[in-house]
C-alpha atoms as a PDB file:
ATOM      1  CA  MET A   1     100.786  88.451  82.571  1.00  0.00           C
ATOM      2  CA  HIS A   2     100.239  87.720  86.259  1.00  0.00           C
ATOM      3  CA  ILE A   3      96.615  86.668  86.776  1.00  0.00           C
ATOM      4  CA  HIS A   4      95.213  85.635  90.128  1.00  0.00           C
ATOM      5  CA  ILE A   5      92.100  83.461  90.598  1.00  0.00           C
ATOM      6  CA  ALA A   6      90.536  83.346  94.066  1.00  0.00           C
ATOM      7  CA  THR A   7      87.400  82.051  95.681  1.00  0.00           C
ATOM      8  CA  ILE A   8      85.560  84.474  97.932  1.00  0.00           C
ATOM      9  CA  GLY A   9      83.298  83.795 100.880  1.00  0.00           C
ATOM     10  CA  GLU A  10      81.670  85.829 103.590  1.00  0.00           C
ATOM     11  CA  ARG A  11      84.918  87.261 104.970  1.00  0.00           C
ATOM     12  CA  THR A  12      87.035  89.262 102.542  1.00  0.00           C
ATOM     13  CA  GLU A  13      90.100  89.849 104.725  1.00  0.00           C
ATOM     14  CA  ALA A  14      91.992  86.708 103.701  1.00  0.00           C
ATOM     15  CA  VAL A  15      91.658  87.430  99.998  1.00  0.00           C
ATOM     16  CA  LEU A  16      92.508  91.126 100.373  1.00  0.00           C
ATOM     17  CA  ASN A  17      95.524  90.401 102.574  1.00  0.00           C
ATOM     18  CA  GLY A  18      96.740  87.736 100.171  1.00  0.00           C
ATOM     19  CA  LEU A  19      96.408  90.022  97.172  1.00  0.00           C
ATOM     20  CA  LYS A  20      98.322  92.762  98.974  1.00  0.00           C
ATOM     21  CA  LEU A  21     101.225  90.360  99.535  1.00  0.00           C
ATOM     22  CA  ILE A  22     101.545  89.237  95.919  1.00  0.00           C
ATOM     23  CA  PRO A  23     103.432  91.781  93.810  1.00  0.00           C
ATOM     24  CA  GLY A  24     102.653  92.396  90.151  1.00  0.00           C
ATOM     25  CA  ILE A  25      99.086  91.137  89.910  1.00  0.00           C
ATOM     26  CA  GLU A  26      97.702  92.473  86.641  1.00  0.00           C
ATOM     27  CA  LYS A  27      94.226  90.925  86.707  1.00  0.00           C
ATOM     28  CA  VAL A  28      92.013  89.153  89.249  1.00  0.00           C
ATOM     29  CA  TYR A  29      89.132  86.732  88.822  1.00  0.00           C
ATOM     30  CA  LEU A  30      86.919  86.185  91.867  1.00  0.00           C
ATOM     31  CA  LEU A  31      84.817  83.027  91.972  1.00  0.00           C
ATOM     32  CA  TYR A  32      81.775  83.417  94.198  1.00  0.00           C
ATOM     33  CA  SER A  33      78.518  81.686  95.003  1.00  0.00           C
ATOM     34  CA  SER A  34      75.291  83.677  94.917  1.00  0.00           C
ATOM     35  CA  LYS A  35      75.302  83.737  98.707  1.00  0.00           C
ATOM     36  CA  TYR A  36      78.547  85.752  98.759  1.00  0.00           C
ATOM     37  CA  LYS A  37      78.135  88.065  95.793  1.00  0.00           C
ATOM     38  CA  GLN A  38      78.294  91.165  98.003  1.00  0.00           C
ATOM     39  CA  SER A  39      81.688  90.080  99.346  1.00  0.00           C
ATOM     40  CA  ALA A  40      82.930  89.674  95.774  1.00  0.00           C
ATOM     41  CA  VAL A  41      81.620  93.120  94.829  1.00  0.00           C
ATOM     42  CA  THR A  42      83.361  94.659  97.860  1.00  0.00           C
ATOM     43  CA  VAL A  43      86.732  93.163  96.847  1.00  0.00           C
ATOM     44  CA  GLN A  44      86.153  94.108  93.203  1.00  0.00           C
ATOM     45  CA  GLU A  45      85.489  97.748  94.154  1.00  0.00           C
ATOM     46  CA  TYR A  46      88.675  97.817  96.240  1.00  0.00           C
ATOM     47  CA  LEU A  47      90.774  96.431  93.381  1.00  0.00           C
ATOM     48  CA  LEU A  48      89.257  98.729  90.776  1.00  0.00           C
ATOM     49  CA  LYS A  49      90.178 101.748  92.925  1.00  0.00           C
ATOM     50  CA  GLY A  50      93.786 100.600  92.558  1.00  0.00           C
ATOM     51  CA  ASP A  51      93.424 100.131  88.784  1.00  0.00           C
ATOM     52  CA  THR A  52      93.550  96.326  88.975  1.00  0.00           C
ATOM     53  CA  PRO A  53      90.992  94.757  86.629  1.00  0.00           C
ATOM     54  CA  CYS A  54      88.758  92.364  88.553  1.00  0.00           C
ATOM     55  CA  TYR A  55      86.140  90.053  87.076  1.00  0.00           C
ATOM     56  CA  LEU A  56      83.421  88.252  89.001  1.00  0.00           C
ATOM     57  CA  LYS A  57      82.489  84.705  88.033  1.00  0.00           C
ATOM     58  CA  ALA A  58      79.564  82.899  89.636  1.00  0.00           C
ATOM     59  CA  VAL A  59      79.970  79.224  90.549  1.00  0.00           C
ATOM     60  CA  ASP A  60      77.831  76.685  92.376  1.00  0.00           C
ATOM     61  CA  GLU A  61      79.319  76.412  95.856  1.00  0.00           C
ATOM     62  CA  TYR A  62      78.389  72.743  96.147  1.00  0.00           C
ATOM     63  CA  ASP A  63      79.653  71.690  92.729  1.00  0.00           C
ATOM     64  CA  PHE A  64      83.419  71.165  92.607  1.00  0.00           C
ATOM     65  CA  GLN A  65      83.243  70.362  88.897  1.00  0.00           C
ATOM     66  CA  SER A  66      81.569  73.712  88.194  1.00  0.00           C
ATOM     67  CA  THR A  67      84.379  75.535  89.984  1.00  0.00           C
ATOM     68  CA  SER A  68      87.050  73.478  88.213  1.00  0.00           C
ATOM     69  CA  ASN A  69      85.419  74.114  84.838  1.00  0.00           C
ATOM     70  CA  MET A  70      85.301  77.852  85.503  1.00  0.00           C
ATOM     71  CA  ILE A  71      89.020  77.901  86.348  1.00  0.00           C
ATOM     72  CA  LEU A  72      89.839  75.968  83.167  1.00  0.00           C
ATOM     73  CA  LYS A  73      87.700  78.344  81.103  1.00  0.00           C
ATOM     74  CA  ILE A  74      89.487  81.375  82.572  1.00  0.00           C
ATOM     75  CA  VAL A  75      92.878  79.818  81.799  1.00  0.00           C
ATOM     76  CA  GLU A  76      91.843  78.994  78.227  1.00  0.00           C
ATOM     77  CA  ASP A  77      90.391  82.455  77.629  1.00  0.00           C
ATOM     78  CA  GLU A  78      93.549  84.129  78.931  1.00  0.00           C
ATOM     79  CA  ARG A  79      95.890  82.208  76.612  1.00  0.00           C
END
């Protein structure tokens, strides 16, 4: 299964353009801070229209360990 994990900020174009260039993505996880939840929701809505499952995961934008732990948890859960 091809799963993509991305961080999302204020501007969604980079993530959307990147996802469009990667063929065969079957599932997407978007990591966002509370400040950028609306950006994450916008990308999620776009992906769901194309039948790509997309899950939002909140992380603390100033805590690298929190982000790393979330990525590890996603990887473990997907095994």
